[in-house]
C-alpha atoms as a PDB file:
ATOM      1  CA  MET A   1      16.552  14.252 -29.613  1.00  0.00           C
ATOM      2  CA  PHE A   2      16.206  14.239 -25.850  1.00  0.00           C
ATOM      3  CA  ALA A   3      16.131  11.704 -23.067  1.00  0.00           C
ATOM      4  CA  GLY A   4      12.747  10.034 -22.857  1.00  0.00           C
ATOM      5  CA  THR A   5      11.378  10.871 -26.323  1.00  0.00           C
ATOM      6  CA  LYS A   6      11.876  10.414 -30.028  1.00  0.00           C
ATOM      7  CA  SER A   7       9.735  12.203 -32.576  1.00  0.00           C
ATOM      8  CA  GLY A   8       9.158  12.036 -36.273  1.00  0.00           C
ATOM      9  CA  GLY A   9       7.839   9.461 -38.696  1.00  0.00           C
ATOM     10  CA  VAL A  10       5.309   9.617 -41.513  1.00  0.00           C
ATOM     11  CA  PHE A  11       2.394  10.269 -39.220  1.00  0.00           C
ATOM     12  CA  GLY A  12       4.252  12.685 -36.931  1.00  0.00           C
ATOM     13  CA  ARG A  13       4.258  10.446 -33.887  1.00  0.00           C
ATOM     14  CA  MET A  14       6.267  10.851 -30.704  1.00  0.00           C
ATOM     15  CA  GLU A  15       7.856   7.850 -29.018  1.00  0.00           C
ATOM     16  CA  LEU A  16       7.908   8.356 -25.258  1.00  0.00           C
ATOM     17  CA  ARG A  17      10.213   6.290 -23.094  1.00  0.00           C
ATOM     18  CA  PHE A  18       8.926   6.020 -19.550  1.00  0.00           C
ATOM     19  CA  THR A  19       9.346   4.262 -16.227  1.00  0.00           C
ATOM     20  CA  LYS A  20       6.261   3.000 -14.402  1.00  0.00           C
ATOM     21  CA  MET A  21       6.647   3.266 -10.607  1.00  0.00           C
ATOM     22  CA  HIS A  22       4.535   3.138  -7.475  1.00  0.00           C
ATOM     23  CA  GLY A  23       4.650   4.120  -3.837  1.00  0.00           C
ATOM     24  CA  CYS A  24       2.308   1.861  -1.846  1.00  0.00           C
ATOM     25  CA  GLY A  25       0.117   1.388  -4.906  1.00  0.00           C
ATOM     26  CA  ASN A  26      -0.061   5.092  -5.779  1.00  0.00           C
ATOM     27  CA  ASP A  27       1.328   4.700  -9.309  1.00  0.00           C
ATOM     28  CA  PHE A  28       3.090   7.103 -11.623  1.00  0.00           C
ATOM     29  CA  ILE A  29       4.579   7.303 -15.089  1.00  0.00           C
ATOM     30  CA  LEU A  30       7.953   9.047 -14.954  1.00  0.00           C
ATOM     31  CA  ILE A  31       9.235  10.803 -18.089  1.00  0.00           C
ATOM     32  CA  ASP A  32      12.658  12.442 -18.431  1.00  0.00           C
ATOM     33  CA  ASP A  33      12.140  15.905 -19.929  1.00  0.00           C
ATOM     34  CA  ARG A  34      15.351  17.602 -18.829  1.00  0.00           C
ATOM     35  CA  GLU A  35      15.811  19.072 -22.301  1.00  0.00           C
ATOM     36  CA  ASP A  36      12.382  20.701 -22.079  1.00  0.00           C
ATOM     37  CA  ARG A  37      11.097  19.476 -25.431  1.00  0.00           C
ATOM     38  CA  ILE A  38       7.552  18.683 -24.260  1.00  0.00           C
ATOM     39  CA  GLY A  39       5.439  21.846 -24.267  1.00  0.00           C
ATOM     40  CA  GLU A  40       3.124  22.902 -21.455  1.00  0.00           C
ATOM     41  CA  GLU A  41      -0.149  21.900 -23.075  1.00  0.00           C
ATOM     42  CA  LYS A  42       1.424  18.717 -24.414  1.00  0.00           C
ATOM     43  CA  LYS A  43       2.324  17.688 -20.848  1.00  0.00           C
ATOM     44  CA  ARG A  44      -1.346  17.944 -19.877  1.00  0.00           C
ATOM     45  CA  GLN A  45      -2.432  15.972 -22.931  1.00  0.00           C
ATOM     46  CA  ILE A  46       0.185  13.306 -22.328  1.00  0.00           C
ATOM     47  CA  ALA A  47      -0.949  12.915 -18.709  1.00  0.00           C
ATOM     48  CA  ARG A  48      -4.597  12.517 -19.700  1.00  0.00           C
ATOM     49  CA  PHE A  49      -3.702  10.037 -22.425  1.00  0.00           C
ATOM     50  CA  LEU A  50      -1.182   7.891 -20.563  1.00  0.00           C
ATOM     51  CA  CYS A  51      -3.087   7.690 -17.271  1.00  0.00           C
ATOM     52  CA  GLN A  52      -6.127   6.006 -18.832  1.00  0.00           C
ATOM     53  CA  ARG A  53      -6.312   2.554 -17.330  1.00  0.00           C
ATOM     54  CA  ARG A  54      -7.038  -0.263 -19.778  1.00  0.00           C
ATOM     55  CA  PHE A  55      -6.739   2.099 -22.759  1.00  0.00           C
ATOM     56  CA  SER A  56      -3.147   3.236 -22.172  1.00  0.00           C
ATOM     57  CA  VAL A  57      -0.343   2.705 -19.667  1.00  0.00           C
ATOM     58  CA  GLY A  58      -2.566   3.609 -16.721  1.00  0.00           C
ATOM     59  CA  ALA A  59      -1.550   5.563 -13.614  1.00  0.00           C
ATOM     60  CA  ASP A  60      -2.682   8.069 -11.013  1.00  0.00           C
ATOM     61  CA  GLY A  61      -0.353  10.692 -12.455  1.00  0.00           C
ATOM     62  CA  VAL A  62       2.687  11.567 -14.540  1.00  0.00           C
ATOM     63  CA  LEU A  63       5.983  12.817 -13.106  1.00  0.00           C
ATOM     64  CA  PHE A  64       8.183  14.914 -15.380  1.00  0.00           C
ATOM     65  CA  LEU A  65      11.881  15.099 -14.548  1.00  0.00           C
ATOM     66  CA  CYS A  66      12.911  18.638 -15.506  1.00  0.00           C
ATOM     67  CA  ARG A  67      15.896  20.926 -15.230  1.00  0.00           C
ATOM     68  CA  PRO A  68      15.715  23.134 -12.121  1.00  0.00           C
ATOM     69  CA  THR A  69      15.082  26.835 -12.650  1.00  0.00           C
ATOM     70  CA  THR A  70      18.034  27.840 -10.431  1.00  0.00           C
ATOM     71  CA  SER A  71      21.227  26.271  -9.107  1.00  0.00           C
ATOM     72  CA  SER A  72      19.650  26.170  -5.639  1.00  0.00           C
ATOM     73  CA  TYR A  73      18.066  22.849  -6.632  1.00  0.00           C
ATOM     74  CA  ASP A  74      19.480  19.565  -7.905  1.00  0.00           C
ATOM     75  CA  VAL A  75      16.485  18.576 -10.033  1.00  0.00           C
ATOM     76  CA  ARG A  76      12.881  19.614 -10.641  1.00  0.00           C
ATOM     77  CA  MET A  77       9.752  17.478 -10.440  1.00  0.00           C
ATOM     78  CA  ARG A  78       6.453  18.383 -12.037  1.00  0.00           C
ATOM     79  CA  VAL A  79       3.329  16.388 -11.216  1.00  0.00           C
ATOM     80  CA  PHE A  80       0.325  16.077 -13.504  1.00  0.00           C
ATOM     81  CA  ASN A  81      -2.829  14.323 -12.330  1.00  0.00           C
ATOM     82  CA  ALA A  82      -4.793  11.851 -14.427  1.00  0.00           C
ATOM     83  CA  ASP A  83      -7.165  14.626 -15.556  1.00  0.00           C
ATOM     84  CA  GLY A  84      -4.270  16.741 -16.846  1.00  0.00           C
ATOM     85  CA  SER A  85      -4.253  19.234 -13.995  1.00  0.00           C
ATOM     86  CA  GLU A  86      -0.913  20.071 -12.389  1.00  0.00           C
ATOM     87  CA  ALA A  87      -0.400  19.352  -8.696  1.00  0.00           C
ATOM     88  CA  GLU A  88       1.964  21.213  -6.409  1.00  0.00           C
ATOM     89  CA  MET A  89       3.509  18.087  -4.913  1.00  0.00           C
ATOM     90  CA  SER A  90       3.114  14.372  -4.288  1.00  0.00           C
ATOM     91  CA  GLY A  91       4.601  12.557  -1.321  1.00  0.00           C
ATOM     92  CA  ASN A  92       4.474   9.107  -2.895  1.00  0.00           C
ATOM     93  CA  GLY A  93       5.510  10.589  -6.227  1.00  0.00           C
ATOM     94  CA  MET A  94       8.498  12.269  -4.602  1.00  0.00           C
ATOM     95  CA  ARG A  95       9.745   8.950  -3.242  1.00  0.00           C
ATOM     96  CA  CYS A  96       9.484   7.404  -6.712  1.00  0.00           C
ATOM     97  CA  PHE A  97      11.221  10.426  -8.212  1.00  0.00           C
ATOM     98  CA  ALA A  98      14.076  10.325  -5.679  1.00  0.00           C
ATOM     99  CA  LYS A  99      14.642   6.611  -6.275  1.00  0.00           C
ATOM    100  CA  TYR A 100      14.774   7.179 -10.034  1.00  0.00           C
ATOM    101  CA  VAL A 101      17.249  10.073 -10.043  1.00  0.00           C
ATOM    102  CA  TYR A 102      19.546   8.455  -7.461  1.00  0.00           C
ATOM    103  CA  GLU A 103      19.696   4.991  -9.026  1.00  0.00           C
ATOM    104  CA  ARG A 104      20.461   6.530 -12.425  1.00  0.00           C
ATOM    105  CA  GLY A 105      23.251   8.659 -11.000  1.00  0.00           C
ATOM    106  CA  LEU A 106      21.565  11.960 -11.845  1.00  0.00           C
ATOM    107  CA  VAL A 107      22.071  13.083  -8.239  1.00  0.00           C
ATOM    108  CA  ARG A 108      25.031  11.657  -6.360  1.00  0.00           C
ATOM    109  CA  SER A 109      24.071  12.749  -2.864  1.00  0.00           C
ATOM    110  CA  ARG A 110      21.666  10.635  -0.833  1.00  0.00           C
ATOM    111  CA  ARG A 111      20.056  13.875   0.298  1.00  0.00           C
ATOM    112  CA  MET A 112      18.767  15.937  -2.619  1.00  0.00           C
ATOM    113  CA  ARG A 113      17.085  19.283  -3.210  1.00  0.00           C
ATOM    114  CA  VAL A 114      14.054  18.939  -5.433  1.00  0.00           C
ATOM    115  CA  GLU A 115      12.198  21.897  -6.898  1.00  0.00           C
ATOM    116  CA  THR A 116       8.412  21.520  -7.052  1.00  0.00           C
ATOM    117  CA  LEU A 117       5.461  23.801  -7.676  1.00  0.00           C
ATOM    118  CA  GLY A 118       4.949  23.645  -3.902  1.00  0.00           C
ATOM    119  CA  GLY A 119       8.513  24.752  -3.158  1.00  0.00           C
ATOM    120  CA  LEU A 120      11.681  22.983  -2.029  1.00  0.00           C
ATOM    121  CA  ILE A 121      11.295  19.331  -1.025  1.00  0.00           C
ATOM    122  CA  VAL A 122      14.223  17.400   0.459  1.00  0.00           C
ATOM    123  CA  PRO A 123      14.116  13.593   0.122  1.00  0.00           C
ATOM    124  CA  GLU A 124      16.852  11.388   1.563  1.00  0.00           C
ATOM    125  CA  VAL A 125      17.347   7.866   0.262  1.00  0.00           C
ATOM    126  CA  GLU A 126      18.379   4.751   2.153  1.00  0.00           C
ATOM    127  CA  VAL A 127      20.414   2.362   0.022  1.00  0.00           C
ATOM    128  CA  ASP A 128      21.545  -1.253   0.043  1.00  0.00           C
ATOM    129  CA  GLU A 129      25.005  -2.472   1.060  1.00  0.00           C
ATOM    130  CA  ARG A 130      26.438  -1.729  -2.371  1.00  0.00           C
ATOM    131  CA  GLY A 131      25.051   1.777  -2.321  1.00  0.00           C
ATOM    132  CA  LEU A 132      23.291   1.230  -5.643  1.00  0.00           C
ATOM    133  CA  MET A 133      19.651   0.380  -4.966  1.00  0.00           C
ATOM    134  CA  VAL A 134      17.281   2.571  -2.985  1.00  0.00           C
ATOM    135  CA  THR A 135      15.427   0.621  -0.292  1.00  0.00           C
ATOM    136  CA  SER A 136      13.492   3.416   1.421  1.00  0.00           C
ATOM    137  CA  ILE A 137      13.037   7.166   1.149  1.00  0.00           C
ATOM    138  CA  ARG A 138      12.544   9.747   3.890  1.00  0.00           C
ATOM    139  CA  VAL A 139      11.009  12.988   2.660  1.00  0.00           C
ATOM    140  CA  PHE A 140      10.942  16.255   4.572  1.00  0.00           C
ATOM    141  CA  MET A 141       7.396  17.488   3.971  1.00  0.00           C
ATOM    142  CA  GLY A 142       7.656  20.799   5.816  1.00  0.00           C
ATOM    143  CA  LYS A 143       5.216  22.502   8.149  1.00  0.00           C
ATOM    144  CA  PRO A 144       1.465  22.733   7.599  1.00  0.00           C
ATOM    145  CA  VAL A 145      -0.680  25.824   7.186  1.00  0.00           C
ATOM    146  CA  PHE A 146      -4.108  25.333   8.759  1.00  0.00           C
ATOM    147  CA  ASP A 147      -7.098  27.254   7.399  1.00  0.00           C
ATOM    148  CA  LYS A 148      -9.869  25.525   9.357  1.00  0.00           C
ATOM    149  CA  ILE A 149      -9.447  23.171  12.314  1.00  0.00           C
ATOM    150  CA  ASP A 150     -12.166  20.592  12.974  1.00  0.00           C
ATOM    151  CA  GLY A 151     -14.819  23.096  11.968  1.00  0.00           C
ATOM    152  CA  ALA A 152     -18.400  22.542  10.870  1.00  0.00           C
ATOM    153  CA  PHE A 153     -18.647  22.193   7.094  1.00  0.00           C
ATOM    154  CA  PHE A 154     -21.871  21.832   5.100  1.00  0.00           C
ATOM    155  CA  VAL A 155     -21.197  19.606   2.087  1.00  0.00           C
ATOM    156  CA  ASN A 156     -24.610  19.489   0.381  1.00  0.00           C
ATOM    157  CA  GLU A 157     -28.235  18.573   1.066  1.00  0.00           C
ATOM    158  CA  GLU A 158     -27.602  14.862   0.550  1.00  0.00           C
ATOM    159  CA  ILE A 159     -24.511  14.522   2.774  1.00  0.00           C
ATOM    160  CA  GLY A 160     -25.224  17.297   5.250  1.00  0.00           C
ATOM    161  CA  GLU A 161     -22.775  18.809   7.728  1.00  0.00           C
ATOM    162  CA  ILE A 162     -19.483  17.249   8.770  1.00  0.00           C
ATOM    163  CA  LYS A 163     -16.396  18.230  10.772  1.00  0.00           C
ATOM    164  CA  LEU A 164     -13.435  19.099   8.579  1.00  0.00           C
ATOM    165  CA  THR A 165      -9.881  20.391   8.869  1.00  0.00           C
ATOM    166  CA  SER A 166      -8.484  22.348   5.936  1.00  0.00           C
ATOM    167  CA  VAL A 167      -4.688  22.231   5.737  1.00  0.00           C
ATOM    168  CA  ARG A 168      -2.057  22.993   3.129  1.00  0.00           C
ATOM    169  CA  LEU A 169       1.125  20.947   2.945  1.00  0.00           C
ATOM    170  CA  GLY A 170       2.509  21.983  -0.407  1.00  0.00           C
ATOM    171  CA  ASN A 171      -0.896  21.081  -1.807  1.00  0.00           C
ATOM    172  CA  PRO A 172      -4.367  21.459  -0.224  1.00  0.00           C
ATOM    173  CA  HIS A 173      -6.068  18.810   1.902  1.00  0.00           C
ATOM    174  CA  ALA A 174      -9.384  18.473   3.666  1.00  0.00           C
ATOM    175  CA  VAL A 175      -9.074  16.007   6.540  1.00  0.00           C
ATOM    176  CA  VAL A 176     -12.197  14.296   7.891  1.00  0.00           C
ATOM    177  CA  ILE A 177     -11.925  12.149  11.032  1.00  0.00           C
ATOM    178  CA  ILE A 178     -14.343   9.223  11.038  1.00  0.00           C
ATOM    179  CA  ASP A 179     -15.260   6.401  13.410  1.00  0.00           C
ATOM    180  CA  SER A 180     -15.662   3.741  10.725  1.00  0.00           C
ATOM    181  CA  PHE A 181     -15.296   3.238   6.987  1.00  0.00           C
ATOM    182  CA  ASN A 182     -18.404   1.025   6.956  1.00  0.00           C
ATOM    183  CA  GLY A 183     -21.044   2.655   4.787  1.00  0.00           C
ATOM    184  CA  LEU A 184     -18.728   5.463   3.684  1.00  0.00           C
ATOM    185  CA  ASP A 185     -18.791   6.113  -0.060  1.00  0.00           C
ATOM    186  CA  VAL A 186     -15.342   7.664  -0.430  1.00  0.00           C
ATOM    187  CA  GLY A 187     -15.943   8.440  -4.103  1.00  0.00           C
ATOM    188  CA  THR A 188     -19.222  10.295  -3.651  1.00  0.00           C
ATOM    189  CA  VAL A 189     -18.346  12.167  -0.467  1.00  0.00           C
ATOM    190  CA  GLY A 190     -14.776  12.833  -1.604  1.00  0.00           C
ATOM    191  CA  LYS A 191     -15.872  14.253  -4.951  1.00  0.00           C
ATOM    192  CA  SER A 192     -18.470  16.471  -3.266  1.00  0.00           C
ATOM    193  CA  ILE A 193     -15.846  17.974  -0.952  1.00  0.00           C
ATOM    194  CA  GLU A 194     -13.109  18.138  -3.615  1.00  0.00           C
ATOM    195  CA  SER A 195     -15.236  20.309  -5.912  1.00  0.00           C
ATOM    196  CA  HIS A 196     -17.036  22.294  -3.190  1.00  0.00           C
ATOM    197  CA  PRO A 197     -17.244  26.075  -3.810  1.00  0.00           C
ATOM    198  CA  ALA A 198     -15.269  26.574  -0.570  1.00  0.00           C
ATOM    199  CA  PHE A 199     -12.265  25.183  -2.464  1.00  0.00           C
ATOM    200  CA  PRO A 200     -12.051  27.144  -5.739  1.00  0.00           C
ATOM    201  CA  ASP A 201      -8.855  25.306  -6.738  1.00  0.00           C
ATOM    202  CA  ARG A 202     -10.328  21.995  -5.532  1.00  0.00           C
ATOM    203  CA  THR A 203      -8.786  19.997  -2.714  1.00  0.00           C
ATOM    204  CA  ASN A 204      -7.586  16.499  -1.823  1.00  0.00           C
ATOM    205  CA  VAL A 205      -9.845  14.800   0.710  1.00  0.00           C
ATOM    206  CA  ASP A 206      -8.532  12.470   3.434  1.00  0.00           C
ATOM    207  CA  PHE A 207     -10.766  10.240   5.547  1.00  0.00           C
ATOM    208  CA  VAL A 208      -8.884   9.122   8.638  1.00  0.00           C
ATOM    209  CA  ARG A 209      -9.717   6.624  11.355  1.00  0.00           C
ATOM    210  CA  VAL A 210      -7.710   6.440  14.569  1.00  0.00           C
ATOM    211  CA  GLU A 211      -7.228   2.791  15.481  1.00  0.00           C
ATOM    212  CA  ALA A 212      -6.456   3.567  19.133  1.00  0.00           C
ATOM    213  CA  LYS A 213      -6.014   7.024  20.605  1.00  0.00           C
ATOM    214  CA  LYS A 214      -2.377   7.862  21.453  1.00  0.00           C
ATOM    215  CA  MET A 215      -1.226   4.509  20.046  1.00  0.00           C
ATOM    216  CA  ASN A 216      -0.129   6.179  16.795  1.00  0.00           C
ATOM    217  CA  VAL A 217      -1.750   3.773  14.360  1.00  0.00           C
ATOM    218  CA  ILE A 218      -4.222   5.212  11.871  1.00  0.00           C
ATOM    219  CA  THR A 219      -5.934   4.288   8.604  1.00  0.00           C
ATOM    220  CA  VAL A 220      -6.296   6.799   5.778  1.00  0.00           C
ATOM    221  CA  ARG A 221      -8.247   6.710   2.530  1.00  0.00           C
ATOM    222  CA  THR A 222      -7.748   9.612   0.144  1.00  0.00           C
ATOM    223  CA  TYR A 223      -9.803  11.020  -2.695  1.00  0.00           C
ATOM    224  CA  GLU A 224      -7.122  12.792  -4.726  1.00  0.00           C
ATOM    225  CA  ARG A 225      -7.888  15.981  -6.583  1.00  0.00           C
ATOM    226  CA  GLY A 226      -8.106  15.261 -10.296  1.00  0.00           C
ATOM    227  CA  VAL A 227      -7.689  11.499  -9.817  1.00  0.00           C
ATOM    228  CA  GLY A 228     -10.278   9.910  -7.529  1.00  0.00           C
ATOM    229  CA  GLU A 229      -9.586   7.477  -4.697  1.00  0.00           C
ATOM    230  CA  THR A 230      -6.026   6.174  -4.794  1.00  0.00           C
ATOM    231  CA  LEU A 231      -4.467   3.238  -2.996  1.00  0.00           C
ATOM    232  CA  SER A 232      -2.258   5.612  -1.021  1.00  0.00           C
ATOM    233  CA  CYS A 233      -1.436   9.310  -0.724  1.00  0.00           C
ATOM    234  CA  GLY A 234       1.792  10.540   0.856  1.00  0.00           C
ATOM    235  CA  THR A 235       0.797  14.158   1.396  1.00  0.00           C
ATOM    236  CA  GLY A 236      -2.639  12.991   2.540  1.00  0.00           C
ATOM    237  CA  SER A 237      -1.128  10.628   5.108  1.00  0.00           C
ATOM    238  CA  THR A 238       1.135  13.404   6.376  1.00  0.00           C
ATOM    239  CA  ALA A 239      -1.682  15.968   6.473  1.00  0.00           C
ATOM    240  CA  SER A 240      -3.817  13.492   8.421  1.00  0.00           C
ATOM    241  CA  VAL A 241      -1.100  12.924  11.028  1.00  0.00           C
ATOM    242  CA  LEU A 242      -0.509  16.670  11.400  1.00  0.00           C
ATOM    243  CA  THR A 243      -4.238  17.217  11.874  1.00  0.00           C
ATOM    244  CA  LEU A 244      -4.500  14.467  14.481  1.00  0.00           C
ATOM    245  CA  ASN A 245      -1.536  15.939  16.310  1.00  0.00           C
ATOM    246  CA  LYS A 246      -3.203  19.352  16.304  1.00  0.00           C
ATOM    247  CA  LEU A 247      -6.306  17.802  17.869  1.00  0.00           C
ATOM    248  CA  GLY A 248      -4.417  15.728  20.463  1.00  0.00           C
ATOM    249  CA  TYR A 249      -5.113  12.263  19.069  1.00  0.00           C
ATOM    250  CA  ILE A 250      -1.493  11.090  18.810  1.00  0.00           C
ATOM    251  CA  ASN A 251       1.829  11.155  20.628  1.00  0.00           C
ATOM    252  CA  PRO A 252       4.060  13.446  18.527  1.00  0.00           C
ATOM    253  CA  ARG A 253       7.245  11.972  19.980  1.00  0.00           C
ATOM    254  CA  VAL A 254       6.615   8.581  18.387  1.00  0.00           C
ATOM    255  CA  PRO A 255       6.403   7.827  14.632  1.00  0.00           C
ATOM    256  CA  VAL A 256       2.866   7.241  13.361  1.00  0.00           C
ATOM    257  CA  THR A 257       2.054   4.145  11.312  1.00  0.00           C
ATOM    258  CA  VAL A 258      -0.370   4.972   8.513  1.00  0.00           C
ATOM    259  CA  HIS A 259      -2.327   2.086   6.990  1.00  0.00           C
ATOM    260  CA  THR A 260      -3.395   2.703   3.398  1.00  0.00           C
ATOM    261  CA  LYS A 261      -4.981   0.338   0.888  1.00  0.00           C
ATOM    262  CA  GLY A 262      -1.626  -0.028  -0.872  1.00  0.00           C
ATOM    263  CA  GLY A 263       0.606  -0.508   2.173  1.00  0.00           C
ATOM    264  CA  ASP A 264       1.986   1.182   5.269  1.00  0.00           C
ATOM    265  CA  LEU A 265       3.760   4.519   5.559  1.00  0.00           C
ATOM    266  CA  ALA A 266       5.381   6.187   8.546  1.00  0.00           C
ATOM    267  CA  VAL A 267       5.140   9.859   9.494  1.00  0.00           C
ATOM    268  CA  GLU A 268       7.586  11.427  11.938  1.00  0.00           C
ATOM    269  CA  LEU A 269       6.915  14.791  13.576  1.00  0.00           C
ATOM    270  CA  LYS A 270       9.910  16.949  14.402  1.00  0.00           C
ATOM    271  CA  GLU A 271      10.289  20.567  15.487  1.00  0.00           C
ATOM    272  CA  GLU A 272      11.291  21.579  11.965  1.00  0.00           C
ATOM    273  CA  GLY A 273       8.321  19.814  10.364  1.00  0.00           C
ATOM    274  CA  ALA A 274       6.993  16.457   9.234  1.00  0.00           C
ATOM    275  CA  TYR A 275       8.844  13.595   7.562  1.00  0.00           C
ATOM    276  CA  LEU A 276       7.262  10.892   5.400  1.00  0.00           C
ATOM    277  CA  VAL A 277       8.995   7.504   5.237  1.00  0.00           C
ATOM    278  CA  GLY A 278       8.174   4.684   2.866  1.00  0.00           C
ATOM    279  CA  PRO A 279       9.182   2.554  -0.119  1.00  0.00           C
ATOM    280  CA  ALA A 280       9.093   3.146  -3.861  1.00  0.00           C
ATOM    281  CA  GLU A 281       9.218   0.500  -6.551  1.00  0.00           C
ATOM    282  CA  VAL A 282       9.912   0.316 -10.263  1.00  0.00           C
ATOM    283  CA  VAL A 283       7.171  -1.706 -11.984  1.00  0.00           C
ATOM    284  CA  TYR A 284       8.567  -1.704 -15.522  1.00  0.00           C
ATOM    285  CA  GLU A 285      10.079   0.462 -18.230  1.00  0.00           C
ATOM    286  CA  GLY A 286       8.638   0.904 -21.675  1.00  0.00           C
ATOM    287  CA  GLU A 287       7.963   3.010 -24.710  1.00  0.00           C
ATOM    288  CA  VAL A 288       4.640   4.292 -25.987  1.00  0.00           C
ATOM    289  CA  SER A 289       3.738   6.067 -29.192  1.00  0.00           C
ATOM    290  CA  VAL A 290       1.532   9.172 -29.178  1.00  0.00           C
ATOM    291  CA  GLN A 291       0.560  11.565 -31.921  1.00  0.00           C
ATOM    292  CA  ASN A 292       2.925  14.510 -32.165  1.00  0.00           C
ATOM    293  CA  SER A 293       0.085  16.952 -32.808  1.00  0.00           C
ATOM    294  CA  ALA A 294      -2.252  19.279 -30.943  1.00  0.00           C
ATOM    295  CA  ASP A 295      -4.722  16.485 -30.236  1.00  0.00           C
ATOM    296  CA  PHE A 296      -4.414  12.817 -29.520  1.00  0.00           C
END
């Protein structure tokens, strides 16, 4: 058998061992699949099943710890959203992932090379005095690719036209700068933009308010592709800061504090790209039984 699962039994059930984690309330179920025993379609089914709140474990997504495809990487992370779709990357998920692999001794270096669908991601962990427990994680998020910068965007007849920045940071984001969250239905507006024909692969949607121009304090609420509104989004927070920098709202020489519903993150802008800094926590570990068949 392999780490994280046991299969068999009269009814052909699979016992999945997992670790529930969160980064500022953005929660994940991490499963060790380094022996590659969970098939592609089964990963999607497992994500849909396990992420159901109240009916299962409940989470925004599932992180699979996999063997890297080449020796250029230390480990590989795959991210599946609550609807079973696979995401390129997750900033909060990466911090959880880095904490897990370091504290279990799977990677000995505090700076690790993680393979993702969005490319190489390099998290660096801060540890306690004993060097055993991870207290904070700094993730190099790379440089953005902007498709549209603060351009006019017609959502639909009900919502009308807005200003929107389309940016890719491993995964796609649509950043909307707002004056106030009062009266904003993040679910309705976010869903309308996420599934807009302009984004054939769908997009994450970030609503960002600048608390004081040039003071580098912002608030972000994110409607995540395939999930809905989450308490926090690491890539969304980073994409928002990069957009604000592009438009001259912030001082790029000073770290930006990002308020999210689940807690605060920090984004640092350097010449080589953006860094995301924040905590990750283990909630609990457990085991769940699922049918070892084509359908749950």
